[in-house]
Amino acid sequence: MTAGAPVRLPKGHMSQEEFDALGYPSIPSHWTKEWMLEQIELEKVDPRVNPNLLLEETSQEFWDNMSRKPYAKAILKSERHWSKRRNAWLRQFEQVE
């Protein structure tokens, strides 16, 4: 990536409005595109922001640090919501059969 080049973020399969309508946990308002790009840059160079810069990937502490990140927590919340929805669909499917 060259300096100043526009960053293309992948488009999701649903809009934020669709996620909200289905009851998924909302994304914090300060998580803008600019904030996320700044966080990514900081994590590449600042060990205060990313303690994993000084650790091996095979270390348990590396993975513990990864799971403590705010976006990792948001992903886990979303996954838990998805699992609840899937389980509800499976219960409904059992009743239909």
Protein backbone atom coordinates (compact mmCIF):
# COMPACT_ATOMS: atom_id res chain seq x y z
CA MET A 1 0.00 0.00 0.00
CA THR A 2 1.39 3.40 -0.92
CA ALA A 3 1.14 6.45 1.27
CA GLY A 4 -1.95 8.49 0.55
CA ALA A 5 -3.59 5.75 -1.52
CA PRO A 6 -7.29 5.24 -0.78
CA VAL A 7 -8.08 2.21 1.32
CA ARG A 8 -10.86 -0.05 0.06
CA LEU A 9 -12.76 -1.69 2.86
CA PRO A 10 -14.81 -4.78 2.06
CA LYS A 11 -18.56 -4.29 1.86
CA GLY A 12 -20.57 -6.56 4.12
CA HIS A 13 -23.47 -8.71 3.01
CA MET A 14 -25.92 -6.59 5.06
CA SER A 15 -26.28 -2.90 5.83
CA GLN A 16 -26.03 -1.59 9.39
CA GLU A 17 -29.80 -0.94 9.31
CA GLU A 18 -30.43 -4.63 8.55
CA PHE A 19 -28.16 -5.69 11.43
CA ASP A 20 -30.00 -3.29 13.74
CA ALA A 21 -33.40 -4.63 12.64
CA LEU A 22 -32.28 -8.16 13.50
CA GLY A 23 -31.12 -7.11 16.96
CA TYR A 24 -27.38 -7.52 16.49
CA PRO A 25 -25.18 -5.57 18.96
CA SER A 26 -24.50 -2.10 17.60
CA ILE A 27 -21.06 -0.80 16.70
CA PRO A 28 -19.82 2.04 18.92
CA SER A 29 -20.38 5.44 17.29
CA HIS A 30 -16.71 6.43 17.51
CA TRP A 31 -15.68 3.44 15.36
CA THR A 32 -15.57 5.41 12.13
CA LYS A 33 -13.52 4.47 9.09
CA GLU A 34 -10.90 7.06 10.05
CA TRP A 35 -10.70 5.78 13.64
CA MET A 36 -10.26 2.20 12.46
CA LEU A 37 -7.52 3.14 10.01
CA GLU A 38 -5.75 5.08 12.78
CA GLN A 39 -6.01 2.06 15.11
CA ILE A 40 -4.59 -0.24 12.45
CA GLU A 41 -1.61 2.10 11.96
CA LEU A 42 -1.01 2.35 15.72
CA GLU A 43 -1.13 -1.42 16.12
CA LYS A 44 1.56 -1.80 13.45
CA VAL A 45 4.09 0.40 15.28
CA ASP A 46 3.18 1.06 18.92
CA PRO A 47 3.77 -1.71 21.49
CA ARG A 48 1.69 0.24 24.02
CA VAL A 49 -1.32 -0.22 21.76
CA ASN A 50 -0.35 -3.68 20.50
CA PRO A 51 1.65 -5.67 23.07
CA ASN A 52 1.79 -8.52 20.55
CA LEU A 53 4.49 -6.72 18.58
CA LEU A 54 7.01 -8.12 21.06
CA LEU A 55 5.53 -11.63 21.38
CA GLU A 56 5.70 -14.81 19.36
CA GLU A 57 2.48 -16.04 17.76
CA THR A 58 2.87 -19.37 19.57
CA SER A 59 2.69 -17.67 22.98
CA GLN A 60 -0.57 -18.00 24.95
CA GLU A 61 -0.20 -14.36 26.00
CA PHE A 62 -0.32 -13.38 22.31
CA TRP A 63 -3.77 -14.97 21.95
CA ASP A 64 -4.97 -13.61 25.29
CA ASN A 65 -4.03 -10.10 24.13
CA MET A 66 -5.88 -10.64 20.85
CA SER A 67 -9.09 -11.59 22.62
CA ARG A 68 -8.95 -8.45 24.80
CA LYS A 69 -9.08 -6.06 21.85
CA PRO A 70 -12.33 -4.06 21.55
CA TYR A 71 -13.05 -5.25 18.01
CA ALA A 72 -12.47 -8.88 19.07
CA LYS A 73 -15.07 -8.41 21.81
CA ALA A 74 -17.48 -6.92 19.26
CA ILE A 75 -16.97 -9.90 16.95
CA LEU A 76 -17.61 -12.32 19.81
CA LYS A 77 -20.83 -10.48 20.75
CA SER A 78 -22.01 -10.68 17.17
CA GLU A 79 -21.13 -14.39 16.98
CA ARG A 80 -23.08 -15.10 20.20
CA HIS A 81 -26.10 -13.28 18.76
CA TRP A 82 -25.81 -15.26 15.53
CA SER A 83 -25.67 -18.53 17.51
CA LYS A 84 -28.83 -17.60 19.42
CA ARG A 85 -30.63 -16.80 16.15
CA ARG A 86 -29.43 -20.05 14.54
CA ASN A 87 -30.59 -22.09 17.53
CA ALA A 88 -34.02 -20.42 17.36
CA TRP A 89 -34.25 -21.29 13.65
CA LEU A 90 -33.28 -24.89 14.35
CA ARG A 91 -35.97 -25.20 17.06
CA GLN A 92 -38.55 -23.78 14.66
CA PHE A 93 -37.40 -26.16 11.91
CA GLU A 94 -37.80 -29.15 14.25
CA GLN A 95 -41.41 -28.13 14.90
CA VAL A 96 -42.14 -27.84 11.17
CA GLU A 97 -40.85 -31.30 10.33
